[in-house]
N, C-alpha and C. Protein backbone atom coordinates (compact mmCIF):
# COMPACT_ATOMS: atom_id res chain seq x y z
N UNK A 1 0.46 -3.87 -19.66
CA UNK A 1 0.61 -2.74 -18.81
C UNK A 1 1.76 -1.98 -19.15
N UNK A 2 1.77 -0.72 -19.04
CA UNK A 2 2.59 0.06 -19.47
C UNK A 2 2.88 1.20 -18.41
N UNK A 3 4.18 1.69 -18.24
CA UNK A 3 4.41 2.76 -17.31
C UNK A 3 4.49 4.07 -18.15
N UNK A 4 4.12 5.12 -17.29
CA UNK A 4 4.16 6.61 -18.07
C UNK A 4 5.56 6.93 -17.92
N UNK A 5 5.91 8.17 -18.48
CA UNK A 5 7.31 8.73 -18.28
C UNK A 5 7.34 9.37 -16.90
N UNK A 6 6.33 9.48 -16.28
CA UNK A 6 6.50 9.92 -14.75
C UNK A 6 7.09 8.73 -13.98
N UNK A 7 8.37 8.86 -13.37
CA UNK A 7 8.77 7.61 -12.51
C UNK A 7 7.81 6.92 -11.85
N UNK A 8 7.71 5.76 -11.91
CA UNK A 8 6.96 4.72 -11.03
C UNK A 8 5.69 4.49 -11.26
N UNK A 9 5.02 5.47 -12.10
CA UNK A 9 3.39 5.43 -12.29
C UNK A 9 3.13 4.44 -13.42
N UNK A 10 2.39 3.54 -12.85
CA UNK A 10 1.94 2.44 -13.70
C UNK A 10 0.36 2.83 -14.22
N UNK A 11 0.44 2.74 -15.43
CA UNK A 11 -0.67 3.03 -16.25
C UNK A 11 -1.12 1.83 -17.06
N UNK A 12 -2.31 2.03 -17.71
CA UNK A 12 -2.94 0.84 -18.69
C UNK A 12 -4.14 0.35 -18.01
N UNK A 13 -4.20 -1.00 -17.50
CA UNK A 13 -5.43 -1.56 -17.02
C UNK A 13 -5.77 -0.93 -15.75
N UNK A 14 -5.01 -0.62 -14.93
CA UNK A 14 -5.38 -0.28 -13.53
C UNK A 14 -4.92 1.07 -13.05
N UNK A 15 -5.12 1.39 -11.74
CA UNK A 15 -4.78 2.70 -11.17
C UNK A 15 -4.14 2.50 -9.92
N UNK A 16 -3.09 3.32 -9.18
CA UNK A 16 -2.70 3.32 -7.89
C UNK A 16 -3.27 4.67 -7.30
N UNK A 17 -3.91 4.33 -6.09
CA UNK A 17 -4.24 5.39 -5.50
C UNK A 17 -4.64 5.10 -3.85
N UNK A 18 -4.92 6.03 -3.10
CA UNK A 18 -5.22 5.52 -1.74
C UNK A 18 -6.49 4.87 -1.50
N UNK A 19 -6.52 3.92 -0.77
CA UNK A 19 -7.93 3.39 -0.23
C UNK A 19 -8.27 4.05 0.96
N UNK A 20 -9.75 4.26 1.07
CA UNK A 20 -10.35 4.90 2.12
C UNK A 20 -11.17 3.75 3.03
N UNK A 21 -11.50 4.36 4.15
CA UNK A 21 -12.16 3.35 5.08
C UNK A 21 -13.22 2.56 4.64
N UNK A 22 -14.00 3.17 3.75
CA UNK A 22 -15.25 2.62 3.09
C UNK A 22 -14.91 1.54 2.28
N UNK A 23 -13.56 1.34 1.86
CA UNK A 23 -13.28 0.32 0.78
C UNK A 23 -12.53 -0.76 1.61
N UNK A 24 -12.63 -0.78 2.71
CA UNK A 24 -12.02 -1.94 3.74
C UNK A 24 -12.21 -3.29 2.93
N UNK A 25 -13.52 -3.50 2.67
CA UNK A 25 -13.83 -5.16 1.96
C UNK A 25 -12.94 -5.19 0.76
N UNK A 26 -12.53 -4.30 0.00
CA UNK A 26 -11.75 -4.54 -1.04
C UNK A 26 -10.26 -4.82 -0.73
N UNK A 27 -9.79 -4.17 0.41
CA UNK A 27 -8.59 -4.61 0.92
C UNK A 27 -8.46 -6.00 1.53
N UNK A 28 -9.79 -6.39 2.22
CA UNK A 28 -9.69 -7.70 2.87
C UNK A 28 -9.74 -8.73 1.76
N UNK A 29 -10.43 -8.58 0.76
CA UNK A 29 -10.60 -9.51 -0.34
C UNK A 29 -9.04 -9.84 -0.82
N UNK A 30 -8.41 -8.78 -1.06
CA UNK A 30 -7.12 -8.68 -1.64
C UNK A 30 -6.14 -9.67 -0.67
N UNK A 31 -6.28 -9.47 0.63
CA UNK A 31 -5.53 -10.20 1.58
C UNK A 31 -5.86 -11.73 1.54
N UNK A 32 -7.11 -11.99 1.29
CA UNK A 32 -7.57 -13.42 1.43
C UNK A 32 -7.17 -13.89 0.22
N UNK A 33 -7.18 -13.37 -1.09
CA UNK A 33 -6.48 -14.05 -2.05
C UNK A 33 -5.02 -14.26 -2.17
N UNK A 34 -4.30 -13.83 -1.16
CA UNK A 34 -2.75 -13.98 -1.19
C UNK A 34 -2.55 -15.59 -1.04
N UNK A 35 -1.77 -16.41 -1.52
CA UNK A 35 -1.47 -17.56 -1.28
C UNK A 35 -0.59 -17.83 -0.17
N UNK A 36 -0.39 -19.04 0.05
CA UNK A 36 0.44 -19.14 1.43
C UNK A 36 1.82 -18.60 1.52
N UNK A 37 2.67 -18.66 0.52
CA UNK A 37 3.82 -18.08 0.45
C UNK A 37 3.89 -16.58 0.59
N UNK A 38 2.78 -16.05 -0.30
CA UNK A 38 3.03 -14.51 -0.19
C UNK A 38 2.42 -14.00 1.24
N UNK A 39 1.50 -14.74 1.84
CA UNK A 39 1.09 -14.29 3.17
C UNK A 39 2.25 -14.43 4.18
N UNK A 40 2.98 -15.57 4.04
CA UNK A 40 4.29 -15.59 4.94
C UNK A 40 5.25 -14.54 4.76
N UNK A 41 5.41 -14.13 3.35
CA UNK A 41 6.22 -13.18 3.11
C UNK A 41 5.75 -11.75 3.60
N UNK A 42 4.45 -11.47 3.62
CA UNK A 42 3.95 -10.24 4.16
C UNK A 42 4.00 -10.24 5.51
N UNK A 43 3.76 -11.24 6.31
CA UNK A 43 3.54 -11.13 7.81
C UNK A 43 4.56 -11.81 8.43
N UNK A 44 5.66 -12.54 7.85
CA UNK A 44 6.70 -13.04 8.43
C UNK A 44 6.29 -14.43 9.00
N UNK A 45 4.99 -14.95 8.93
CA UNK A 45 4.73 -16.18 9.56
C UNK A 45 3.42 -16.66 8.84
N UNK A 46 3.09 -18.01 8.86
CA UNK A 46 1.82 -18.47 8.46
C UNK A 46 0.65 -17.81 9.12
N UNK A 47 -0.16 -17.34 8.14
CA UNK A 47 -1.37 -16.75 8.79
C UNK A 47 -2.73 -17.43 8.14
N UNK A 48 -3.93 -17.35 8.76
CA UNK A 48 -5.07 -18.04 8.33
C UNK A 48 -6.08 -16.76 7.79
N UNK A 49 -7.19 -17.29 7.27
CA UNK A 49 -8.13 -16.27 6.99
C UNK A 49 -8.70 -15.40 7.97
N UNK A 50 -8.93 -15.98 9.14
CA UNK A 50 -9.40 -15.24 10.32
C UNK A 50 -8.59 -13.99 10.77
N UNK A 51 -7.35 -14.55 10.73
CA UNK A 51 -6.48 -13.54 11.23
C UNK A 51 -6.41 -12.12 10.16
N UNK A 52 -6.54 -12.76 8.71
CA UNK A 52 -6.49 -11.63 7.77
C UNK A 52 -7.77 -10.72 7.89
N UNK A 53 -8.88 -11.29 8.04
CA UNK A 53 -10.10 -10.55 8.23
C UNK A 53 -10.00 -9.65 9.24
N UNK A 54 -9.39 -10.13 10.52
CA UNK A 54 -9.39 -9.32 11.70
C UNK A 54 -8.40 -7.94 11.40
N UNK A 55 -7.54 -8.26 10.77
CA UNK A 55 -6.20 -7.49 10.33
C UNK A 55 -6.78 -6.46 9.43
N UNK A 56 -7.58 -6.70 8.37
CA UNK A 56 -8.16 -5.64 7.65
C UNK A 56 -9.05 -4.67 8.42
N UNK A 57 -9.69 -5.09 9.39
CA UNK A 57 -10.64 -4.41 10.19
C UNK A 57 -9.77 -2.99 10.69
N UNK A 58 -8.66 -3.49 11.49
CA UNK A 58 -7.83 -2.58 12.10
C UNK A 58 -6.90 -1.64 11.30
N UNK A 59 -6.84 -2.08 9.90
CA UNK A 59 -5.71 -1.46 9.16
C UNK A 59 -6.13 0.06 9.04
N UNK A 60 -7.30 0.50 8.85
CA UNK A 60 -7.73 1.92 8.59
C UNK A 60 -7.97 2.75 9.72
N UNK A 61 -7.07 2.61 10.88
CA UNK A 61 -7.27 3.45 12.09
C UNK A 61 -6.52 4.70 11.96
N UNK A 62 -6.46 5.52 12.88
CA UNK A 62 -5.69 6.87 12.86
C UNK A 62 -4.25 6.69 12.59
N UNK A 63 -3.74 5.44 13.02
CA UNK A 63 -2.27 5.19 12.77
C UNK A 63 -1.82 4.58 11.37
N UNK A 64 -2.72 4.65 10.53
CA UNK A 64 -2.18 3.92 9.24
C UNK A 64 -3.02 4.40 8.02
N UNK A 65 -2.44 4.15 6.75
CA UNK A 65 -2.93 4.33 5.64
C UNK A 65 -2.56 3.47 4.43
N UNK A 66 -3.40 3.19 3.62
CA UNK A 66 -3.12 2.11 2.52
C UNK A 66 -3.16 2.88 1.15
N UNK A 67 -2.33 2.44 0.45
CA UNK A 67 -2.34 2.66 -1.19
C UNK A 67 -2.48 1.45 -1.71
N UNK A 68 -3.14 1.50 -2.82
CA UNK A 68 -3.37 0.16 -3.66
C UNK A 68 -3.36 0.25 -5.21
N UNK A 69 -3.07 -1.02 -5.71
CA UNK A 69 -3.22 -0.94 -7.21
C UNK A 69 -4.65 -1.59 -7.48
N UNK A 70 -5.56 -0.88 -8.09
CA UNK A 70 -6.80 -1.45 -8.23
C UNK A 70 -7.01 -1.78 -9.85
N UNK A 71 -7.51 -2.98 -10.11
CA UNK A 71 -7.64 -3.34 -11.51
C UNK A 71 -8.94 -4.02 -11.73
N UNK A 72 -9.88 -3.44 -12.60
CA UNK A 72 -11.22 -4.22 -12.63
C UNK A 72 -12.04 -4.10 -11.33
N UNK A 73 -11.80 -3.14 -10.48
CA UNK A 73 -12.71 -2.94 -9.37
C UNK A 73 -12.17 -3.79 -8.21
N UNK A 74 -10.91 -4.52 -8.33
CA UNK A 74 -10.23 -5.26 -7.40
C UNK A 74 -8.70 -4.80 -6.89
N UNK A 75 -8.66 -4.91 -5.59
CA UNK A 75 -7.20 -4.58 -5.10
C UNK A 75 -6.17 -5.83 -5.57
N UNK A 76 -5.42 -5.55 -6.22
CA UNK A 76 -4.19 -6.63 -6.54
C UNK A 76 -2.84 -6.39 -6.01
N UNK A 77 -2.62 -5.13 -5.46
CA UNK A 77 -1.50 -5.09 -4.66
C UNK A 77 -1.75 -3.82 -3.61
N UNK A 78 -1.02 -3.84 -2.49
CA UNK A 78 -1.28 -2.92 -1.48
C UNK A 78 0.04 -2.38 -0.72
N UNK A 79 0.01 -1.30 -0.19
CA UNK A 79 1.16 -0.81 0.49
C UNK A 79 0.68 -0.05 1.69
N UNK A 80 1.15 -0.37 2.83
CA UNK A 80 0.67 0.03 4.26
C UNK A 80 1.61 0.98 4.80
N UNK A 81 1.14 2.06 5.30
CA UNK A 81 1.99 2.80 6.13
C UNK A 81 1.34 3.16 7.64
N UNK A 82 2.10 2.53 8.59
CA UNK A 82 1.72 2.60 9.83
C UNK A 82 2.44 3.33 10.72
N UNK A 83 2.11 3.52 11.92
CA UNK A 83 2.70 4.67 13.09
C UNK A 83 2.37 6.05 12.92
N UNK A 84 1.32 6.26 12.14
CA UNK A 84 1.15 7.86 12.02
C UNK A 84 0.74 8.62 13.29
N UNK A 85 0.31 7.64 14.19
CA UNK A 85 -0.34 8.31 15.61
C UNK A 85 0.84 8.79 16.33
N UNK A 86 2.11 8.41 16.20
CA UNK A 86 3.25 8.67 17.05
C UNK A 86 3.88 9.63 16.39
N UNK A 87 3.53 11.00 16.71
CA UNK A 87 4.08 12.02 16.01
C UNK A 87 5.34 12.49 16.65
N UNK A 88 5.76 12.16 17.81
CA UNK A 88 7.00 12.48 18.45
C UNK A 88 8.00 11.49 17.95
N UNK A 89 7.93 10.23 17.48
CA UNK A 89 9.16 9.25 17.22
C UNK A 89 9.23 9.62 15.74
N UNK A 90 8.56 10.31 14.98
CA UNK A 90 8.74 10.51 13.57
C UNK A 90 9.25 9.37 12.68
N UNK A 91 8.68 8.28 13.13
CA UNK A 91 9.17 7.11 12.39
C UNK A 91 7.89 6.24 11.95
N UNK A 92 7.83 5.45 10.85
CA UNK A 92 6.92 5.00 10.34
C UNK A 92 7.33 3.40 9.92
N UNK A 93 6.34 2.55 9.71
CA UNK A 93 6.48 1.26 9.21
C UNK A 93 5.83 0.92 8.09
N UNK A 94 6.54 0.57 7.06
CA UNK A 94 6.00 -0.02 5.53
C UNK A 94 5.85 -1.39 5.41
N UNK A 95 4.68 -1.93 4.85
CA UNK A 95 4.59 -3.18 4.49
C UNK A 95 3.98 -3.27 3.08
N UNK A 96 4.20 -4.27 2.26
CA UNK A 96 3.65 -4.50 0.98
C UNK A 96 3.04 -5.95 0.83
N UNK A 97 2.05 -5.93 -0.21
CA UNK A 97 1.51 -7.39 -0.65
C UNK A 97 1.15 -6.98 -2.07
N UNK A 98 1.64 -7.93 -2.97
CA UNK A 98 1.09 -7.94 -4.42
C UNK A 98 0.75 -9.57 -4.57
N UNK A 99 -0.47 -9.61 -5.35
CA UNK A 99 -0.90 -10.91 -5.63
C UNK A 99 0.21 -11.62 -6.64
N UNK A 100 0.12 -12.85 -6.55
CA UNK A 100 1.24 -13.58 -7.46
C UNK A 100 1.25 -13.23 -8.94
N UNK A 101 -0.06 -13.24 -9.45
CA UNK A 101 -0.09 -13.04 -10.96
C UNK A 101 0.14 -11.71 -11.29
N UNK A 102 0.19 -10.65 -10.34
CA UNK A 102 0.51 -9.23 -10.61
C UNK A 102 1.88 -8.86 -10.17
N UNK A 103 2.72 -9.74 -9.88
CA UNK A 103 4.09 -9.40 -9.61
C UNK A 103 4.86 -9.22 -11.01
N UNK A 104 6.20 -8.67 -10.93
CA UNK A 104 7.16 -8.20 -12.01
C UNK A 104 6.37 -7.27 -12.88
N UNK A 105 5.64 -6.38 -12.38
CA UNK A 105 4.95 -5.29 -13.23
C UNK A 105 5.44 -3.99 -12.74
N UNK A 106 6.20 -3.97 -11.83
CA UNK A 106 6.51 -2.70 -11.36
C UNK A 106 5.78 -1.99 -10.30
N UNK A 107 4.89 -3.02 -9.67
CA UNK A 107 3.79 -2.34 -8.96
C UNK A 107 4.55 -1.97 -7.41
N UNK A 108 5.39 -2.85 -6.98
CA UNK A 108 6.06 -2.64 -5.78
C UNK A 108 6.72 -1.25 -5.72
N UNK A 109 7.50 -0.87 -6.90
CA UNK A 109 8.26 0.23 -6.96
C UNK A 109 7.21 1.46 -6.76
N UNK A 110 6.19 1.37 -7.42
CA UNK A 110 5.14 2.36 -7.59
C UNK A 110 4.59 2.62 -6.14
N UNK A 111 4.10 1.57 -5.72
CA UNK A 111 3.52 1.70 -4.29
C UNK A 111 4.48 2.39 -3.27
N UNK A 112 5.73 1.72 -3.29
CA UNK A 112 6.77 2.35 -2.65
C UNK A 112 6.98 3.72 -2.55
N UNK A 113 6.95 4.42 -3.85
CA UNK A 113 7.12 5.71 -4.13
C UNK A 113 6.06 6.65 -3.54
N UNK A 114 4.83 6.02 -3.67
CA UNK A 114 3.65 6.81 -3.04
C UNK A 114 3.74 6.65 -1.56
N UNK A 115 4.28 5.50 -0.91
CA UNK A 115 4.24 5.46 0.43
C UNK A 115 5.26 6.46 1.23
N UNK A 116 6.63 6.62 0.22
CA UNK A 116 7.53 7.52 0.98
C UNK A 116 7.04 8.83 0.76
N UNK A 117 6.27 9.22 -0.18
CA UNK A 117 5.89 10.66 -0.32
C UNK A 117 4.74 10.83 0.77
N UNK A 118 3.95 9.89 1.07
CA UNK A 118 2.84 10.04 2.16
C UNK A 118 3.82 10.35 3.60
N UNK A 119 4.89 9.49 3.49
CA UNK A 119 5.58 9.57 4.85
C UNK A 119 6.31 11.04 5.10
N UNK A 120 6.70 11.42 3.86
CA UNK A 120 7.38 12.79 4.06
C UNK A 120 6.54 13.83 4.23
N UNK A 121 5.31 13.73 3.69
CA UNK A 121 4.31 14.92 3.90
C UNK A 121 4.06 14.80 5.41
N UNK A 122 4.05 13.58 6.04
CA UNK A 122 3.55 13.65 7.58
C UNK A 122 4.68 13.80 8.40
N UNK A 123 5.80 14.30 8.00
CA UNK A 123 6.84 14.54 9.02
C UNK A 123 7.59 13.20 9.49
N UNK A 124 7.37 11.91 8.69
CA UNK A 124 8.01 10.93 9.09
C UNK A 124 9.47 10.78 8.41
N UNK A 125 10.33 11.09 9.17
CA UNK A 125 11.78 11.09 8.67
C UNK A 125 12.54 9.75 8.45
N UNK A 126 11.91 8.72 9.09
CA UNK A 126 12.44 7.37 8.88
C UNK A 126 11.56 6.24 8.87
N UNK A 127 11.74 5.49 7.74
CA UNK A 127 10.71 4.40 7.54
C UNK A 127 11.26 3.28 7.59
N UNK A 128 10.72 2.28 8.29
CA UNK A 128 11.21 0.98 8.37
C UNK A 128 10.41 -0.20 7.93
N UNK A 129 11.17 -1.15 7.23
CA UNK A 129 10.43 -2.17 6.57
C UNK A 129 11.18 -3.52 7.01
N UNK A 130 10.39 -4.47 7.35
CA UNK A 130 10.86 -5.88 7.59
C UNK A 130 10.44 -6.95 6.62
N UNK A 131 11.48 -7.80 6.28
CA UNK A 131 11.02 -8.94 5.39
C UNK A 131 11.82 -10.23 5.74
N UNK A 132 11.60 -11.32 5.18
CA UNK A 132 12.38 -12.42 5.70
C UNK A 132 13.44 -12.67 4.84
N UNK A 133 14.52 -13.24 5.08
CA UNK A 133 15.95 -13.23 4.48
C UNK A 133 15.72 -13.56 3.04
N UNK A 134 14.88 -14.56 2.82
CA UNK A 134 14.57 -15.34 1.59
C UNK A 134 13.78 -14.50 0.44
N UNK A 135 13.38 -13.31 0.81
CA UNK A 135 12.46 -12.38 0.24
C UNK A 135 13.36 -11.53 -0.77
N UNK A 136 13.74 -12.09 -1.69
CA UNK A 136 14.79 -11.28 -2.56
C UNK A 136 14.29 -10.34 -3.32
N UNK A 137 12.89 -10.38 -3.75
CA UNK A 137 12.18 -9.12 -4.59
C UNK A 137 12.03 -8.13 -3.44
N UNK A 138 11.77 -8.21 -2.20
CA UNK A 138 11.70 -6.97 -1.26
C UNK A 138 12.89 -6.58 -0.98
N UNK A 139 14.15 -7.26 -0.97
CA UNK A 139 15.37 -6.77 -0.57
C UNK A 139 15.92 -5.97 -1.62
N UNK A 140 15.43 -6.47 -2.90
CA UNK A 140 15.87 -5.68 -4.13
C UNK A 140 15.24 -4.44 -4.24
N UNK A 141 13.93 -4.48 -3.83
CA UNK A 141 13.27 -3.00 -3.96
C UNK A 141 13.73 -2.17 -2.75
N UNK A 142 13.94 -2.52 -1.56
CA UNK A 142 14.45 -1.90 -0.72
C UNK A 142 15.88 -1.08 -1.14
N UNK A 143 16.65 -1.88 -1.72
CA UNK A 143 17.84 -1.36 -2.05
C UNK A 143 17.70 -0.30 -3.10
N UNK A 144 16.75 -0.55 -4.01
CA UNK A 144 16.48 0.42 -5.16
C UNK A 144 16.10 1.94 -4.45
N UNK A 145 15.72 2.03 -3.24
CA UNK A 145 15.26 3.10 -2.69
C UNK A 145 16.31 3.51 -1.56
N UNK A 146 17.44 2.82 -1.82
CA UNK A 146 18.61 3.17 -0.89
C UNK A 146 18.44 2.98 0.55
N UNK A 147 17.65 1.91 0.88
CA UNK A 147 17.50 1.49 2.34
C UNK A 147 18.70 0.78 2.69
N UNK A 148 19.20 1.08 4.09
CA UNK A 148 19.99 0.38 4.86
C UNK A 148 19.55 -1.00 5.25
N UNK A 149 20.17 -2.00 4.86
CA UNK A 149 19.68 -3.47 5.25
C UNK A 149 20.45 -4.03 6.39
N UNK A 150 19.76 -4.31 7.36
CA UNK A 150 20.49 -5.10 8.45
C UNK A 150 19.62 -6.31 9.07
N UNK A 151 20.24 -7.39 9.26
CA UNK A 151 19.57 -8.62 9.66
C UNK A 151 20.32 -9.77 9.71
N UNK A 152 19.73 -10.94 9.97
CA UNK A 152 20.32 -12.07 10.07
C UNK A 152 19.37 -13.27 9.84
N UNK A 153 19.35 -14.32 10.70
CA UNK A 153 18.68 -15.52 10.36
C UNK A 153 17.06 -15.45 10.09
N UNK A 154 16.61 -14.46 11.13
CA UNK A 154 14.99 -14.47 11.19
C UNK A 154 14.45 -13.46 10.26
N UNK A 155 14.99 -12.46 10.11
CA UNK A 155 14.50 -11.28 9.28
C UNK A 155 15.52 -10.28 9.03
N UNK A 156 15.14 -9.38 7.94
CA UNK A 156 15.95 -8.48 7.48
C UNK A 156 15.20 -7.02 7.58
N UNK A 157 15.97 -6.16 8.30
CA UNK A 157 15.11 -4.92 8.31
C UNK A 157 15.73 -3.74 7.39
N UNK A 158 14.85 -2.86 6.74
CA UNK A 158 15.44 -1.99 5.96
C UNK A 158 14.97 -0.53 6.72
N UNK A 159 16.04 0.40 6.55
CA UNK A 159 15.81 1.88 7.07
C UNK A 159 15.95 2.79 6.08
N UNK A 160 14.88 3.54 5.83
CA UNK A 160 15.04 4.66 4.71
C UNK A 160 14.84 5.93 5.22
N UNK A 161 15.69 6.76 5.06
CA UNK A 161 15.53 8.37 5.17
C UNK A 161 14.75 8.85 4.21
N UNK A 162 13.57 9.21 4.64
CA UNK A 162 12.61 9.92 3.51
C UNK A 162 12.73 11.24 2.99
N UNK A 163 13.28 12.10 4.00
CA UNK A 163 13.47 13.58 3.53
C UNK A 163 12.28 14.19 3.93
N UNK A 164 12.09 15.51 4.01
CA UNK A 164 10.97 16.18 4.34
C UNK A 164 10.13 16.71 3.45
N UNK A 165 8.92 17.15 3.60
CA UNK A 165 7.79 17.51 2.58
C UNK A 165 8.42 18.86 1.72
N UNK A 166 7.95 18.91 0.79
CA UNK A 166 8.03 20.06 -0.17
C UNK A 166 6.56 20.47 -0.69
N UNK A 167 6.59 21.65 -1.44
CA UNK A 167 5.46 21.81 -2.03
C UNK A 167 4.85 21.09 -2.84
N UNK A 168 5.92 20.26 -3.64
CA UNK A 168 5.47 19.48 -4.74
C UNK A 168 4.89 18.09 -4.16
N UNK A 169 5.61 17.47 -3.22
CA UNK A 169 5.17 16.36 -2.70
C UNK A 169 3.73 16.65 -2.02
N UNK A 170 3.35 17.70 -1.21
CA UNK A 170 2.29 17.93 -0.72
C UNK A 170 1.08 18.00 -1.70
N UNK A 171 1.37 18.94 -2.99
CA UNK A 171 0.41 18.93 -3.94
C UNK A 171 0.08 17.79 -4.67
N UNK A 172 1.08 17.05 -4.90
CA UNK A 172 0.95 15.63 -5.64
C UNK A 172 0.20 14.70 -4.82
N UNK A 173 0.27 14.73 -3.69
CA UNK A 173 -0.55 13.68 -2.83
C UNK A 173 -1.98 14.40 -2.76
N UNK A 174 -2.16 15.64 -2.60
CA UNK A 174 -3.50 16.30 -2.51
C UNK A 174 -4.21 15.98 -3.79
N UNK A 175 -3.72 16.06 -4.82
CA UNK A 175 -4.27 15.85 -6.20
C UNK A 175 -4.79 14.11 -6.22
N UNK A 176 -3.62 13.53 -5.68
CA UNK A 176 -4.01 12.03 -5.93
C UNK A 176 -5.04 11.66 -4.74
N UNK A 177 -5.29 12.24 -3.70
CA UNK A 177 -6.38 11.80 -2.79
C UNK A 177 -7.53 12.28 -3.31
N UNK A 178 -7.57 13.55 -4.00
CA UNK A 178 -8.80 14.04 -4.61
C UNK A 178 -9.28 13.23 -5.56
N UNK A 179 -8.44 12.74 -6.47
CA UNK A 179 -8.77 11.88 -7.58
C UNK A 179 -9.53 10.61 -7.04
N UNK A 180 -8.64 10.03 -6.09
CA UNK A 180 -9.16 8.89 -5.39
C UNK A 180 -10.58 8.71 -4.64
N UNK A 181 -10.51 10.07 -3.86
CA UNK A 181 -11.87 10.34 -3.34
C UNK A 181 -13.13 10.35 -4.28
N UNK A 182 -12.84 11.03 -5.37
CA UNK A 182 -13.86 11.24 -6.50
C UNK A 182 -14.22 9.87 -7.23
N UNK A 183 -13.24 9.07 -7.16
CA UNK A 183 -13.55 7.50 -7.92
C UNK A 183 -14.39 6.73 -6.83
N UNK A 184 -14.12 7.02 -5.57
CA UNK A 184 -14.86 6.34 -4.58
C UNK A 184 -16.23 6.81 -4.35
N UNK A 185 -16.51 8.06 -4.54
CA UNK A 185 -17.85 8.83 -4.49
C UNK A 185 -18.63 8.32 -5.62
N UNK A 186 -18.08 7.99 -6.78
CA UNK A 186 -18.69 7.57 -8.02
C UNK A 186 -19.12 6.25 -7.81
N UNK A 187 -18.19 5.44 -7.39
CA UNK A 187 -18.56 4.14 -6.99
C UNK A 187 -19.96 3.82 -6.16
N UNK A 188 -19.62 4.57 -4.92
CA UNK A 188 -20.80 4.75 -4.12
C UNK A 188 -21.97 5.10 -4.64
N UNK A 189 -22.06 5.96 -5.39
CA UNK A 189 -23.20 6.51 -5.98
C UNK A 189 -24.01 5.47 -7.10
N UNK A 190 -22.86 4.93 -7.79
CA UNK A 190 -23.37 3.83 -8.59
C UNK A 190 -24.10 2.61 -7.89
N UNK A 191 -23.53 2.37 -6.74
CA UNK A 191 -24.27 1.39 -6.08
C UNK A 191 -25.45 1.61 -5.51
N UNK A 192 -25.64 3.10 -4.93
CA UNK A 192 -26.80 3.40 -4.42
C UNK A 192 -27.82 3.56 -5.42
N UNK A 193 -27.56 3.75 -6.67
CA UNK A 193 -28.49 4.19 -7.80
C UNK A 193 -28.63 2.78 -8.57
N UNK A 194 -27.98 1.58 -8.27
CA UNK A 194 -28.24 0.55 -9.04
C UNK A 194 -29.57 -0.18 -8.84
N UNK A 195 -30.19 -1.02 -9.59
CA UNK A 195 -31.52 -1.43 -9.75
C UNK A 195 -31.84 -1.98 -8.46
N UNK A 196 -30.71 -2.67 -7.81
CA UNK A 196 -31.18 -3.42 -6.43
C UNK A 196 -31.71 -2.34 -5.35
N UNK A 197 -31.22 -1.11 -5.69
CA UNK A 197 -31.40 -0.12 -4.49
C UNK A 197 -32.68 0.82 -4.91
N UNK A 198 -33.15 0.67 -6.19
CA UNK A 198 -34.26 1.48 -6.63
C UNK A 198 -35.60 0.99 -6.15
N UNK A 199 -36.28 1.99 -5.86
CA UNK A 199 -37.81 1.54 -5.48
C UNK A 199 -38.56 1.16 -6.72
N UNK A 200 -39.44 0.16 -6.76
CA UNK A 200 -40.15 -0.26 -7.83
C UNK A 200 -41.17 0.69 -8.23
């Protein structure tokens, strides 16, 4: 896998784009593939399959969106932005999960860039992220985006000032969403017209 000259964009075998509610099962399958250590790093505690299945159902509500790295039709990494329903607070929460075999490829950095852009475009001036003290990779990623890290024994919280939207960030997200929606539409069309759905 290689990166393009545009900062943070991962190219090659997969793509990074927004996930839509119709793709909830892809997100759920990704969460269920996470090993025990990655699950604990993501949620701050041990969680079982039932918890993850319920979590996937509620993720695509009005208060959140998901960007994902998709390779061969499967989500291998995801970044979530929550808190969009609270337009008064102008704050949001970021969370990340990358499957073990897909780490150390720059996915976290690229997903984080997308999330910050989405936050800026929605008027979210402050982005929060929480991780366990031993999650060195996440702390390093937060520092790369100039996050202020505060914490102790239980967890570490990162605070990031995102900045405001610009015509370029709005256009960039619009183009990305258009591409992602077109990909979804094509996928659904292929499913509908597959042999299993055709009349004999």
